[in-house]
Amino acid sequence: MTIDSSDFSFSHLGPDLILDAIESLGVRIDSGLLALNSYENRVYQFKLEDGKRYVAKFYRPSRWEERQIIEEHDFALELQEAELPVVAPLLFDGKSLHHYDAYSFALFPSVGGRQFEVDNLDQIEWMGRLIGRIHKLASTRNFAHRPQISTSAFLNAPRQRLADSKILPSHLHTPFMVILDQVIEVSSRYYSTDYKQIRLHGDCHPGNILWQDGPIFVDLDDCRQGPAIQDLWMMLNGDRQQQLMQLDTLIEAYDEFHHFDPRELQLIEALRAMRMVHYMAWLDMRWQDPAFPAAFPWFGEDKYWENQILALKEQLSCLQEPAISLLPY
């Protein structure tokens, strides 16, 4: 089967193909397939005769090059080899990435756990130590193929996508683009790649963290090269005072294993703006995948875009405020 580069909707990925792909590795399934919550890729849990559960992840065609996926897998395996709690792909004949028909896929052990508590300072301290350990290893060399966090990828290209969007209501197009351009201009001015660029998890939000006796990272699909603060700021929540306490706890624990450059704190609001803009463009880009209108029906509504105009105005205000800083010791 040949998939056109514009066909990224998994329209050919049916249950029979999924089972055949998994069994092509010599794996015999003793259960049905349970679809897990994933929109960018397709992820299914299954059980073998021994009762152990596994996960099959089918990568969205045309999103990553094969060498980029393999580099993600190698990073996870490197972290796992260092006894860091990261879920890494299973190897079959020494390979982590496999192909069946038009799809690339990988198998992982299924890992359970509780949700990471974003307001729990003890858990935040633990996360600081873990990310410090990860970054210490990650900083020893660079990615060769994974992209870098840049304003081009997270602001300029998404801006063009949104400007041409057929989903953005026409009567809100002008006010939306006016505030969007202001946010992009200020964010681009504040975001700098002068800081040390290291290998990152890249999407270190609470949904990618499970808690057992401690934290476990379950998804490195967005790993990139960038500043260390990218793997820290998404754990901050609440008002500014709460974020100060969380940040202080996080960085103090991080510094036990890897030095943190406090100058990177001024990148937080620019990175937050980049995530906001990229997310809107991502939804627009994936809208032809039937899973997206079903999961995000509000994306096409006036109220969503009106709220985004307000959110961008608030973010512009945050960008113009003094950067958050560490508490004095």
C-alpha atoms as a PDB file:
ATOM      1  CA  MET A   1       0.000   0.000   0.000  1.00  0.00           C
ATOM      2  CA  THR A   2       1.275   3.471  -0.815  1.00  0.00           C
ATOM      3  CA  ILE A   3       0.123   6.434   1.228  1.00  0.00           C
ATOM      4  CA  ASP A   4       0.229   9.884  -0.327  1.00  0.00           C
ATOM      5  CA  SER A   5       2.219  12.408   1.724  1.00  0.00           C
ATOM      6  CA  SER A   6      -1.005  14.295   2.445  1.00  0.00           C
ATOM      7  CA  ASP A   7      -2.759  11.158   3.758  1.00  0.00           C
ATOM      8  CA  PHE A   8      -1.935  11.215   7.439  1.00  0.00           C
ATOM      9  CA  SER A   9      -5.339  10.275   8.867  1.00  0.00           C
ATOM     10  CA  PHE A  10      -4.733   6.544   9.511  1.00  0.00           C
ATOM     11  CA  SER A  11      -7.658   5.779   7.205  1.00  0.00           C
ATOM     12  CA  HIS A  12      -6.142   2.395   6.286  1.00  0.00           C
ATOM     13  CA  LEU A  13      -5.200   1.389   9.830  1.00  0.00           C
ATOM     14  CA  GLY A  14      -7.908  -1.139  10.733  1.00  0.00           C
ATOM     15  CA  PRO A  15      -7.947  -3.825  13.461  1.00  0.00           C
ATOM     16  CA  ASP A  16      -6.794  -6.609  11.133  1.00  0.00           C
ATOM     17  CA  LEU A  17      -3.794  -4.618   9.963  1.00  0.00           C
ATOM     18  CA  ILE A  18      -2.882  -3.716  13.559  1.00  0.00           C
ATOM     19  CA  LEU A  19      -3.025  -7.360  14.670  1.00  0.00           C
ATOM     20  CA  ASP A  20      -1.092  -8.544  11.627  1.00  0.00           C
ATOM     21  CA  ALA A  21       1.595  -5.926  12.234  1.00  0.00           C
ATOM     22  CA  ILE A  22       2.055  -6.926  15.876  1.00  0.00           C
ATOM     23  CA  GLU A  23       2.061 -10.636  15.067  1.00  0.00           C
ATOM     24  CA  SER A  24       4.638 -10.054  12.315  1.00  0.00           C
ATOM     25  CA  LEU A  25       7.137  -9.668  15.172  1.00  0.00           C
ATOM     26  CA  GLY A  26       6.284 -13.112  16.518  1.00  0.00           C
ATOM     27  CA  VAL A  27       4.054 -11.657  19.245  1.00  0.00           C
ATOM     28  CA  ARG A  28       0.808 -13.542  19.885  1.00  0.00           C
ATOM     29  CA  ILE A  29      -2.007 -11.481  21.359  1.00  0.00           C
ATOM     30  CA  ASP A  30      -4.380 -13.000  23.908  1.00  0.00           C
ATOM     31  CA  SER A  31      -6.840 -10.103  24.113  1.00  0.00           C
ATOM     32  CA  GLY A  32      -8.567  -7.461  22.096  1.00  0.00           C
ATOM     33  CA  LEU A  33      -7.080  -4.049  21.344  1.00  0.00           C
ATOM     34  CA  LEU A  34      -7.788  -1.169  23.697  1.00  0.00           C
ATOM     35  CA  ALA A  35      -7.313   2.217  22.020  1.00  0.00           C
ATOM     36  CA  LEU A  36      -5.478   4.618  24.327  1.00  0.00           C
ATOM     37  CA  ASN A  37      -5.779   8.382  24.401  1.00  0.00           C
ATOM     38  CA  SER A  38      -3.500   9.644  21.629  1.00  0.00           C
ATOM     39  CA  TYR A  39      -4.280  11.982  18.749  1.00  0.00           C
ATOM     40  CA  GLU A  40      -0.961  12.497  17.006  1.00  0.00           C
ATOM     41  CA  ASN A  41      -0.299   8.766  16.706  1.00  0.00           C
ATOM     42  CA  ARG A  42      -2.456   5.669  17.234  1.00  0.00           C
ATOM     43  CA  VAL A  43      -1.753   3.695  20.395  1.00  0.00           C
ATOM     44  CA  TYR A  44      -3.274   0.368  21.458  1.00  0.00           C
ATOM     45  CA  GLN A  45      -2.903  -1.737  24.587  1.00  0.00           C
ATOM     46  CA  PHE A  46      -3.070  -5.531  24.433  1.00  0.00           C
ATOM     47  CA  LYS A  47      -2.299  -8.552  26.603  1.00  0.00           C
ATOM     48  CA  LEU A  48      -0.272 -11.682  25.938  1.00  0.00           C
ATOM     49  CA  GLU A  49      -0.923 -15.208  27.169  1.00  0.00           C
ATOM     50  CA  ASP A  50       1.323 -14.638  30.197  1.00  0.00           C
ATOM     51  CA  GLY A  51      -1.002 -11.828  31.317  1.00  0.00           C
ATOM     52  CA  LYS A  52       1.508  -9.039  30.711  1.00  0.00           C
ATOM     53  CA  ARG A  53       0.242  -5.925  28.983  1.00  0.00           C
ATOM     54  CA  TYR A  54       1.975  -4.121  26.142  1.00  0.00           C
ATOM     55  CA  VAL A  55       1.382  -1.091  23.967  1.00  0.00           C
ATOM     56  CA  ALA A  56       1.664  -0.795  20.173  1.00  0.00           C
ATOM     57  CA  LYS A  57       2.313   2.699  18.840  1.00  0.00           C
ATOM     58  CA  PHE A  58       1.673   3.426  15.148  1.00  0.00           C
ATOM     59  CA  TYR A  59       3.342   6.623  13.995  1.00  0.00           C
ATOM     60  CA  ARG A  60       1.473   9.179  11.931  1.00  0.00           C
ATOM     61  CA  PRO A  61       2.768   8.946   8.346  1.00  0.00           C
ATOM     62  CA  SER A  62       4.860  11.868   7.088  1.00  0.00           C
ATOM     63  CA  ARG A  63       5.314  13.479  10.509  1.00  0.00           C
ATOM     64  CA  TRP A  64       8.809  12.272  11.393  1.00  0.00           C
ATOM     65  CA  GLU A  65      11.545  10.816   9.250  1.00  0.00           C
ATOM     66  CA  GLU A  66      12.521   7.252  10.153  1.00  0.00           C
ATOM     67  CA  ARG A  67      15.919   8.375  11.422  1.00  0.00           C
ATOM     68  CA  GLN A  68      14.224  10.910  13.716  1.00  0.00           C
ATOM     69  CA  ILE A  69      11.989   8.245  15.271  1.00  0.00           C
ATOM     70  CA  ILE A  70      14.961   5.937  15.745  1.00  0.00           C
ATOM     71  CA  GLU A  71      16.865   8.766  17.418  1.00  0.00           C
ATOM     72  CA  GLU A  72      13.941   9.222  19.824  1.00  0.00           C
ATOM     73  CA  HIS A  73      14.034   5.482  20.596  1.00  0.00           C
ATOM     74  CA  ASP A  74      17.799   5.530  21.087  1.00  0.00           C
ATOM     75  CA  PHE A  75      17.452   8.443  23.525  1.00  0.00           C
ATOM     76  CA  ALA A  76      14.842   6.543  25.567  1.00  0.00           C
ATOM     77  CA  LEU A  77      16.983   3.398  25.578  1.00  0.00           C
ATOM     78  CA  GLU A  78      20.021   5.430  26.627  1.00  0.00           C
ATOM     79  CA  LEU A  79      18.095   6.884  29.561  1.00  0.00           C
ATOM     80  CA  GLN A  80      16.747   3.467  30.506  1.00  0.00           C
ATOM     81  CA  GLU A  81      20.273   1.997  30.379  1.00  0.00           C
ATOM     82  CA  ALA A  82      21.263   4.693  32.899  1.00  0.00           C
ATOM     83  CA  GLU A  83      18.469   3.381  35.168  1.00  0.00           C
ATOM     84  CA  LEU A  84      16.309   6.457  34.695  1.00  0.00           C
ATOM     85  CA  PRO A  85      12.534   5.806  34.829  1.00  0.00           C
ATOM     86  CA  VAL A  86      11.633   6.221  31.160  1.00  0.00           C
ATOM     87  CA  VAL A  87       9.467   3.822  29.152  1.00  0.00           C
ATOM     88  CA  ALA A  88      11.591   2.729  26.195  1.00  0.00           C
ATOM     89  CA  PRO A  89      10.606   0.651  23.134  1.00  0.00           C
ATOM     90  CA  LEU A  90      11.158  -3.097  23.048  1.00  0.00           C
ATOM     91  CA  LEU A  91      13.787  -4.500  20.716  1.00  0.00           C
ATOM     92  CA  PHE A  92      13.112  -7.270  18.201  1.00  0.00           C
ATOM     93  CA  ASP A  93      16.206  -8.551  16.401  1.00  0.00           C
ATOM     94  CA  GLY A  94      17.981  -5.471  17.733  1.00  0.00           C
ATOM     95  CA  LYS A  95      15.482  -3.039  16.169  1.00  0.00           C
ATOM     96  CA  SER A  96      13.022  -0.718  17.898  1.00  0.00           C
ATOM     97  CA  LEU A  97      11.145   0.580  14.832  1.00  0.00           C
ATOM     98  CA  HIS A  98       9.225  -1.782  12.573  1.00  0.00           C
ATOM     99  CA  HIS A  99       7.200  -1.486   9.381  1.00  0.00           C
ATOM    100  CA  TYR A 100       4.062  -3.162   8.152  1.00  0.00           C
ATOM    101  CA  ASP A 101       2.336  -2.140   4.935  1.00  0.00           C
ATOM    102  CA  ALA A 102       2.449   1.659   4.959  1.00  0.00           C
ATOM    103  CA  TYR A 103       2.930   2.148   8.689  1.00  0.00           C
ATOM    104  CA  SER A 104       5.852   2.420  11.099  1.00  0.00           C
ATOM    105  CA  PHE A 105       5.269   1.118  14.609  1.00  0.00           C
ATOM    106  CA  ALA A 106       6.933   0.157  17.867  1.00  0.00           C
ATOM    107  CA  LEU A 107       6.015  -1.936  20.899  1.00  0.00           C
ATOM    108  CA  PHE A 108       6.408  -0.785  24.491  1.00  0.00           C
ATOM    109  CA  PRO A 109       5.746  -2.338  27.891  1.00  0.00           C
ATOM    110  CA  SER A 110       2.464  -1.063  29.359  1.00  0.00           C
ATOM    111  CA  VAL A 111       3.072   0.967  32.508  1.00  0.00           C
ATOM    112  CA  GLY A 112       0.404   1.994  34.991  1.00  0.00           C
ATOM    113  CA  GLY A 113       0.446   4.615  37.687  1.00  0.00           C
ATOM    114  CA  ARG A 114      -1.289   7.538  39.319  1.00  0.00           C
ATOM    115  CA  GLN A 115      -1.478  11.045  37.950  1.00  0.00           C
ATOM    116  CA  PHE A 116       1.333  13.443  38.798  1.00  0.00           C
ATOM    117  CA  GLU A 117       0.035  15.991  41.337  1.00  0.00           C
ATOM    118  CA  VAL A 118       1.030  19.405  40.027  1.00  0.00           C
ATOM    119  CA  ASP A 119       0.378  21.106  43.385  1.00  0.00           C
ATOM    120  CA  ASN A 120       2.361  18.571  45.453  1.00  0.00           C
ATOM    121  CA  LEU A 121       5.721  20.135  46.352  1.00  0.00           C
ATOM    122  CA  ASP A 122       7.188  16.770  47.342  1.00  0.00           C
ATOM    123  CA  GLN A 123       6.417  15.379  43.876  1.00  0.00           C
ATOM    124  CA  ILE A 124       7.695  18.573  42.241  1.00  0.00           C
ATOM    125  CA  GLU A 125      10.964  18.194  44.161  1.00  0.00           C
ATOM    126  CA  TRP A 126      11.242  14.602  42.944  1.00  0.00           C
ATOM    127  CA  MET A 127      10.630  15.755  39.368  1.00  0.00           C
ATOM    128  CA  GLY A 128      13.362  18.365  39.712  1.00  0.00           C
ATOM    129  CA  ARG A 129      15.881  15.703  40.705  1.00  0.00           C
ATOM    130  CA  LEU A 130      14.779  13.373  37.897  1.00  0.00           C
ATOM    131  CA  ILE A 131      14.935  16.024  35.183  1.00  0.00           C
ATOM    132  CA  GLY A 132      18.312  17.130  36.495  1.00  0.00           C
ATOM    133  CA  ARG A 133      19.577  13.558  36.129  1.00  0.00           C
ATOM    134  CA  ILE A 134      18.084  13.273  32.640  1.00  0.00           C
ATOM    135  CA  HIS A 135      19.614  16.563  31.527  1.00  0.00           C
ATOM    136  CA  LYS A 136      23.024  15.634  32.929  1.00  0.00           C
ATOM    137  CA  LEU A 137      23.087  12.629  30.597  1.00  0.00           C
ATOM    138  CA  ALA A 138      21.279  14.418  27.752  1.00  0.00           C
ATOM    139  CA  SER A 139      23.812  17.257  27.682  1.00  0.00           C
ATOM    140  CA  THR A 140      26.718  14.923  26.901  1.00  0.00           C
ATOM    141  CA  ARG A 141      25.936  15.047  23.179  1.00  0.00           C
ATOM    142  CA  ASN A 142      23.421  16.521  20.733  1.00  0.00           C
ATOM    143  CA  PHE A 143      20.702  15.065  18.559  1.00  0.00           C
ATOM    144  CA  ALA A 144      21.815  14.578  14.982  1.00  0.00           C
ATOM    145  CA  HIS A 145      18.370  14.474  13.360  1.00  0.00           C
ATOM    146  CA  ARG A 146      15.713  15.711  15.792  1.00  0.00           C
ATOM    147  CA  PRO A 147      14.765  19.381  15.285  1.00  0.00           C
ATOM    148  CA  GLN A 148      15.510  22.339  17.520  1.00  0.00           C
ATOM    149  CA  ILE A 149      12.930  24.449  19.317  1.00  0.00           C
ATOM    150  CA  SER A 150      12.782  27.598  17.207  1.00  0.00           C
ATOM    151  CA  THR A 151      10.566  30.594  16.530  1.00  0.00           C
ATOM    152  CA  SER A 152      10.419  29.473  12.907  1.00  0.00           C
ATOM    153  CA  ALA A 153       8.795  26.145  13.806  1.00  0.00           C
ATOM    154  CA  PHE A 154       6.688  27.316  16.752  1.00  0.00           C
ATOM    155  CA  LEU A 155       5.653  30.826  15.705  1.00  0.00           C
ATOM    156  CA  ASN A 156       6.265  31.748  12.074  1.00  0.00           C
ATOM    157  CA  ALA A 157       5.106  28.559  10.341  1.00  0.00           C
ATOM    158  CA  PRO A 158       2.044  28.260  12.633  1.00  0.00           C
ATOM    159  CA  ARG A 159       1.243  31.926  11.970  1.00  0.00           C
ATOM    160  CA  GLN A 160       1.076  31.253   8.240  1.00  0.00           C
ATOM    161  CA  ARG A 161      -1.098  28.197   8.830  1.00  0.00           C
ATOM    162  CA  LEU A 162      -3.545  30.191  10.953  1.00  0.00           C
ATOM    163  CA  ALA A 163      -3.593  33.117   8.513  1.00  0.00           C
ATOM    164  CA  ASP A 164      -4.719  30.717   5.773  1.00  0.00           C
ATOM    165  CA  SER A 165      -7.100  28.727   7.984  1.00  0.00           C
ATOM    166  CA  LYS A 166     -10.600  28.020   6.736  1.00  0.00           C
ATOM    167  CA  ILE A 167     -11.696  27.247  10.314  1.00  0.00           C
ATOM    168  CA  LEU A 168     -10.900  30.650  11.821  1.00  0.00           C
ATOM    169  CA  PRO A 169     -14.204  32.583  11.480  1.00  0.00           C
ATOM    170  CA  SER A 170     -13.874  35.325   8.876  1.00  0.00           C
ATOM    171  CA  HIS A 171     -15.349  38.035  11.122  1.00  0.00           C
ATOM    172  CA  LEU A 172     -12.713  37.256  13.797  1.00  0.00           C
ATOM    173  CA  HIS A 173      -9.788  36.918  11.392  1.00  0.00           C
ATOM    174  CA  THR A 174      -8.540  40.494  11.671  1.00  0.00           C
ATOM    175  CA  PRO A 175      -8.708  40.915  15.480  1.00  0.00           C
ATOM    176  CA  PHE A 176      -7.172  37.463  15.943  1.00  0.00           C
ATOM    177  CA  MET A 177      -4.278  38.089  13.556  1.00  0.00           C
ATOM    178  CA  VAL A 178      -3.585  41.536  15.030  1.00  0.00           C
ATOM    179  CA  ILE A 179      -3.045  40.212  18.553  1.00  0.00           C
ATOM    180  CA  LEU A 180      -1.327  37.075  17.254  1.00  0.00           C
ATOM    181  CA  ASP A 181       1.228  39.182  15.382  1.00  0.00           C
ATOM    182  CA  GLN A 182       1.899  41.248  18.495  1.00  0.00           C
ATOM    183  CA  VAL A 183       2.498  38.117  20.575  1.00  0.00           C
ATOM    184  CA  ILE A 184       4.752  36.656  17.886  1.00  0.00           C
ATOM    185  CA  GLU A 185       6.770  39.872  17.605  1.00  0.00           C
ATOM    186  CA  VAL A 186       7.416  40.109  21.361  1.00  0.00           C
ATOM    187  CA  SER A 187       7.995  36.372  21.805  1.00  0.00           C
ATOM    188  CA  SER A 188      10.482  36.306  18.921  1.00  0.00           C
ATOM    189  CA  ARG A 189      12.349  39.183  20.519  1.00  0.00           C
ATOM    190  CA  TYR A 190      12.507  37.487  23.923  1.00  0.00           C
ATOM    191  CA  TYR A 191      13.261  33.918  22.812  1.00  0.00           C
ATOM    192  CA  SER A 192      16.928  33.310  22.221  1.00  0.00           C
ATOM    193  CA  THR A 193      18.984  30.272  21.263  1.00  0.00           C
ATOM    194  CA  ASP A 194      22.098  31.779  22.862  1.00  0.00           C
ATOM    195  CA  TYR A 195      21.577  29.481  25.846  1.00  0.00           C
ATOM    196  CA  LYS A 196      22.998  25.976  25.928  1.00  0.00           C
ATOM    197  CA  GLN A 197      20.947  23.661  23.719  1.00  0.00           C
ATOM    198  CA  ILE A 198      20.579  20.111  25.030  1.00  0.00           C
ATOM    199  CA  ARG A 199      18.531  17.031  24.258  1.00  0.00           C
ATOM    200  CA  LEU A 200      15.108  17.423  25.885  1.00  0.00           C
ATOM    201  CA  HIS A 201      11.959  15.458  26.607  1.00  0.00           C
ATOM    202  CA  GLY A 202      10.365  18.431  24.861  1.00  0.00           C
ATOM    203  CA  ASP A 203       6.754  17.977  26.008  1.00  0.00           C
ATOM    204  CA  CYS A 204       7.152  17.615  29.751  1.00  0.00           C
ATOM    205  CA  HIS A 205       3.559  18.219  30.850  1.00  0.00           C
ATOM    206  CA  PRO A 206       1.797  16.271  33.640  1.00  0.00           C
ATOM    207  CA  GLY A 207      -0.029  14.042  31.140  1.00  0.00           C
ATOM    208  CA  ASN A 208       3.296  12.477  30.138  1.00  0.00           C
ATOM    209  CA  ILE A 209       4.201  11.594  33.739  1.00  0.00           C
ATOM    210  CA  LEU A 210       2.913   8.595  35.680  1.00  0.00           C
ATOM    211  CA  TRP A 211       3.483   8.134  39.407  1.00  0.00           C
ATOM    212  CA  GLN A 212       4.215   4.813  41.092  1.00  0.00           C
ATOM    213  CA  ASP A 213       6.835   4.929  43.834  1.00  0.00           C
ATOM    214  CA  GLY A 214       8.133   7.918  41.899  1.00  0.00           C
ATOM    215  CA  PRO A 215       7.744   9.517  38.455  1.00  0.00           C
ATOM    216  CA  ILE A 216       7.940   7.668  35.147  1.00  0.00           C
ATOM    217  CA  PHE A 217       8.111   9.352  31.741  1.00  0.00           C
ATOM    218  CA  VAL A 218       5.946   7.562  29.185  1.00  0.00           C
ATOM    219  CA  ASP A 219       6.334   9.509  25.928  1.00  0.00           C
ATOM    220  CA  LEU A 220       9.341  11.094  24.214  1.00  0.00           C
ATOM    221  CA  ASP A 221       7.557  11.612  20.889  1.00  0.00           C
ATOM    222  CA  ASP A 222       8.312  15.358  20.931  1.00  0.00           C
ATOM    223  CA  CYS A 223      11.930  15.188  22.092  1.00  0.00           C
ATOM    224  CA  ARG A 224      13.960  18.030  20.625  1.00  0.00           C
ATOM    225  CA  GLN A 225      17.059  20.135  21.109  1.00  0.00           C
ATOM    226  CA  GLY A 226      16.512  23.251  23.206  1.00  0.00           C
ATOM    227  CA  PRO A 227      17.078  25.118  26.491  1.00  0.00           C
ATOM    228  CA  ALA A 228      16.716  23.171  29.746  1.00  0.00           C
ATOM    229  CA  ILE A 229      13.848  25.368  30.969  1.00  0.00           C
ATOM    230  CA  GLN A 230      11.568  23.782  28.338  1.00  0.00           C
ATOM    231  CA  ASP A 231      11.414  20.605  30.452  1.00  0.00           C
ATOM    232  CA  LEU A 232      10.641  22.540  33.639  1.00  0.00           C
ATOM    233  CA  TRP A 233       8.208  25.376  33.040  1.00  0.00           C
ATOM    234  CA  MET A 234       5.155  23.254  32.175  1.00  0.00           C
ATOM    235  CA  MET A 235       5.078  21.907  35.739  1.00  0.00           C
ATOM    236  CA  LEU A 236       4.369  25.389  37.107  1.00  0.00           C
ATOM    237  CA  ASN A 237       0.729  26.195  37.828  1.00  0.00           C
ATOM    238  CA  GLY A 238      -1.442  28.495  39.902  1.00  0.00           C
ATOM    239  CA  ASP A 239      -0.838  32.169  40.640  1.00  0.00           C
ATOM    240  CA  ARG A 240       2.559  33.838  40.541  1.00  0.00           C
ATOM    241  CA  GLN A 241       3.298  33.209  44.232  1.00  0.00           C
ATOM    242  CA  GLN A 242       2.492  29.500  43.896  1.00  0.00           C
ATOM    243  CA  GLN A 243       4.677  29.302  40.793  1.00  0.00           C
ATOM    244  CA  LEU A 244       7.542  30.940  42.678  1.00  0.00           C
ATOM    245  CA  MET A 245       7.395  28.262  45.376  1.00  0.00           C
ATOM    246  CA  GLN A 246       7.148  25.486  42.785  1.00  0.00           C
ATOM    247  CA  LEU A 247      10.004  26.923  40.739  1.00  0.00           C
ATOM    248  CA  ASP A 248      12.221  27.311  43.789  1.00  0.00           C
ATOM    249  CA  THR A 249      11.569  23.686  44.802  1.00  0.00           C
ATOM    250  CA  LEU A 250      12.075  22.417  41.256  1.00  0.00           C
ATOM    251  CA  ILE A 251      15.347  24.236  40.534  1.00  0.00           C
ATOM    252  CA  GLU A 252      16.934  23.539  43.920  1.00  0.00           C
ATOM    253  CA  ALA A 253      16.352  19.791  43.375  1.00  0.00           C
ATOM    254  CA  TYR A 254      17.467  20.027  39.714  1.00  0.00           C
ATOM    255  CA  ASP A 255      20.747  21.696  40.722  1.00  0.00           C
ATOM    256  CA  GLU A 256      21.686  18.666  42.817  1.00  0.00           C
ATOM    257  CA  PHE A 257      22.461  16.841  39.567  1.00  0.00           C
ATOM    258  CA  HIS A 258      22.823  19.421  36.796  1.00  0.00           C
ATOM    259  CA  HIS A 259      23.552  23.129  36.871  1.00  0.00           C
ATOM    260  CA  PHE A 260      20.628  25.327  35.874  1.00  0.00           C
ATOM    261  CA  ASP A 261      21.319  28.661  34.189  1.00  0.00           C
ATOM    262  CA  PRO A 262      18.894  31.097  35.910  1.00  0.00           C
ATOM    263  CA  ARG A 263      18.998  33.399  32.882  1.00  0.00           C
ATOM    264  CA  GLU A 264      16.764  30.857  31.116  1.00  0.00           C
ATOM    265  CA  LEU A 265      13.845  31.917  33.335  1.00  0.00           C
ATOM    266  CA  GLN A 266      13.247  34.855  31.002  1.00  0.00           C
ATOM    267  CA  LEU A 267      12.391  32.359  28.250  1.00  0.00           C
ATOM    268  CA  ILE A 268       9.353  30.914  30.065  1.00  0.00           C
ATOM    269  CA  GLU A 269       6.660  33.266  28.785  1.00  0.00           C
ATOM    270  CA  ALA A 270       8.033  33.183  25.236  1.00  0.00           C
ATOM    271  CA  LEU A 271       7.969  29.374  25.355  1.00  0.00           C
ATOM    272  CA  ARG A 272       4.428  29.470  26.718  1.00  0.00           C
ATOM    273  CA  ALA A 273       3.360  31.712  23.836  1.00  0.00           C
ATOM    274  CA  MET A 274       5.101  29.425  21.340  1.00  0.00           C
ATOM    275  CA  ARG A 275       3.208  26.440  22.736  1.00  0.00           C
ATOM    276  CA  MET A 276      -0.127  28.284  22.491  1.00  0.00           C
ATOM    277  CA  VAL A 277       0.412  29.322  18.871  1.00  0.00           C
ATOM    278  CA  HIS A 278       1.781  25.954  17.808  1.00  0.00           C
ATOM    279  CA  TYR A 279      -1.156  24.130  19.429  1.00  0.00           C
ATOM    280  CA  MET A 280      -3.761  26.134  17.495  1.00  0.00           C
ATOM    281  CA  ALA A 281      -1.945  25.537  14.215  1.00  0.00           C
ATOM    282  CA  TRP A 282      -1.560  21.836  15.049  1.00  0.00           C
ATOM    283  CA  LEU A 283      -5.336  21.468  15.470  1.00  0.00           C
ATOM    284  CA  ASP A 284      -5.897  23.250  12.164  1.00  0.00           C
ATOM    285  CA  MET A 285      -3.306  21.071  10.408  1.00  0.00           C
ATOM    286  CA  ARG A 286      -4.887  17.852  11.687  1.00  0.00           C
ATOM    287  CA  TRP A 287      -8.513  18.854  11.086  1.00  0.00           C
ATOM    288  CA  GLN A 288      -8.892  16.517   8.105  1.00  0.00           C
ATOM    289  CA  ASP A 289      -8.246  13.567  10.410  1.00  0.00           C
ATOM    290  CA  PRO A 290     -11.771  12.502  11.501  1.00  0.00           C
ATOM    291  CA  ALA A 291     -10.515  11.970  15.050  1.00  0.00           C
ATOM    292  CA  PHE A 292      -9.928  15.689  15.510  1.00  0.00           C
ATOM    293  CA  PRO A 293     -13.403  17.161  14.841  1.00  0.00           C
ATOM    294  CA  ALA A 294     -14.796  14.400  17.072  1.00  0.00           C
ATOM    295  CA  ALA A 295     -12.369  15.134  19.918  1.00  0.00           C
ATOM    296  CA  PHE A 296     -12.192  18.937  19.577  1.00  0.00           C
ATOM    297  CA  PRO A 297     -15.614  20.057  18.260  1.00  0.00           C
ATOM    298  CA  TRP A 298     -15.215  23.472  19.908  1.00  0.00           C
ATOM    299  CA  PHE A 299     -12.267  24.323  17.626  1.00  0.00           C
ATOM    300  CA  GLY A 300     -14.623  25.448  14.876  1.00  0.00           C
ATOM    301  CA  GLU A 301     -16.829  27.580  17.131  1.00  0.00           C
ATOM    302  CA  ASP A 302     -16.743  31.364  17.419  1.00  0.00           C
ATOM    303  CA  LYS A 303     -16.438  31.147  21.196  1.00  0.00           C
ATOM    304  CA  TYR A 304     -13.160  29.241  20.972  1.00  0.00           C
ATOM    305  CA  TRP A 305     -11.532  31.890  18.784  1.00  0.00           C
ATOM    306  CA  GLU A 306     -12.942  34.720  20.892  1.00  0.00           C
ATOM    307  CA  ASN A 307     -11.373  33.065  23.945  1.00  0.00           C
ATOM    308  CA  GLN A 308      -8.072  32.682  22.093  1.00  0.00           C
ATOM    309  CA  ILE A 309      -8.041  36.401  21.347  1.00  0.00           C
ATOM    310  CA  LEU A 310      -8.445  37.055  25.080  1.00  0.00           C
ATOM    311  CA  ALA A 311      -5.830  34.435  25.976  1.00  0.00           C
ATOM    312  CA  LEU A 312      -3.326  35.985  23.558  1.00  0.00           C
ATOM    313  CA  LYS A 313      -3.957  39.441  25.046  1.00  0.00           C
ATOM    314  CA  GLU A 314      -3.290  38.009  28.512  1.00  0.00           C
ATOM    315  CA  GLN A 315      -0.139  36.306  27.255  1.00  0.00           C
ATOM    316  CA  LEU A 316       1.082  39.550  25.698  1.00  0.00           C
ATOM    317  CA  SER A 317       0.673  41.169  29.110  1.00  0.00           C
ATOM    318  CA  CYS A 318       2.646  38.336  30.746  1.00  0.00           C
ATOM    319  CA  LEU A 319       5.416  38.728  28.179  1.00  0.00           C
ATOM    320  CA  GLN A 320       5.734  42.403  29.091  1.00  0.00           C
ATOM    321  CA  GLU A 321       5.997  41.755  32.843  1.00  0.00           C
ATOM    322  CA  PRO A 322       9.337  41.113  34.592  1.00  0.00           C
ATOM    323  CA  ALA A 323      10.376  37.475  34.291  1.00  0.00           C
ATOM    324  CA  ILE A 324       9.720  35.142  37.205  1.00  0.00           C
ATOM    325  CA  SER A 325      12.840  34.676  39.338  1.00  0.00           C
ATOM    326  CA  LEU A 326      14.142  32.328  41.979  1.00  0.00           C
ATOM    327  CA  LEU A 327      13.471  33.105  45.633  1.00  0.00           C
ATOM    328  CA  PRO A 328      16.507  34.540  47.453  1.00  0.00           C
ATOM    329  CA  TYR A 329      18.242  32.150  49.842  1.00  0.00           C
END
